[in-house]
Amino acid sequence: MSVGIVVVSHSRALADAAVELARQMLPGRELAIEVAAGMDDGSLGTDAMAVATAITAADTGDGVVVLMDLGSAVLSAETAMEFLDEDVRERVTLSAAPLVEGLVGAVVVAAGGAGRDQVAAEAARGLAPKEAQLR
């Protein structure tokens, strides 16, 4: 088992592209990455129930790290926590990490067997390489 990852975005296309990019770092390796993005009619938006469903699907027992794009995606993720069983909720970390950079770092360490706290910490460091390069 490994830590699962959930991507919450207003845009399904944005979330799918970010996941595709992150999966490029995992050739031949499996990792539970779920997407809760956009609305059923294809419009932009987030849905707390969809986020809760994605968290449940990504949870293999080792926990889940949730990355969000902005604004109401954060609100939807926070609301989704209320829909989860307490035992699942205790294994979920909502990450303030940058979506794309954080996702790439998170999937690499999660696929390597890191625990939820380590995965969340790596996601949070997502901007560090870019910041160092631009100094």
Foldseek 3Di string as FASTA:
>chain_A
DFAFEEEEEQAPVVVVVLVVVLCVLPVPFDAHYYYFYHDPVRGGDGALCSLLVSLVSRCPPLAYEYEYADDCSVVSPVVNLVVDDPVRSVRYHYAPAHRRLLSNQLVNVRSVRDGPVVSRVSRNCSCVVVVVVVD
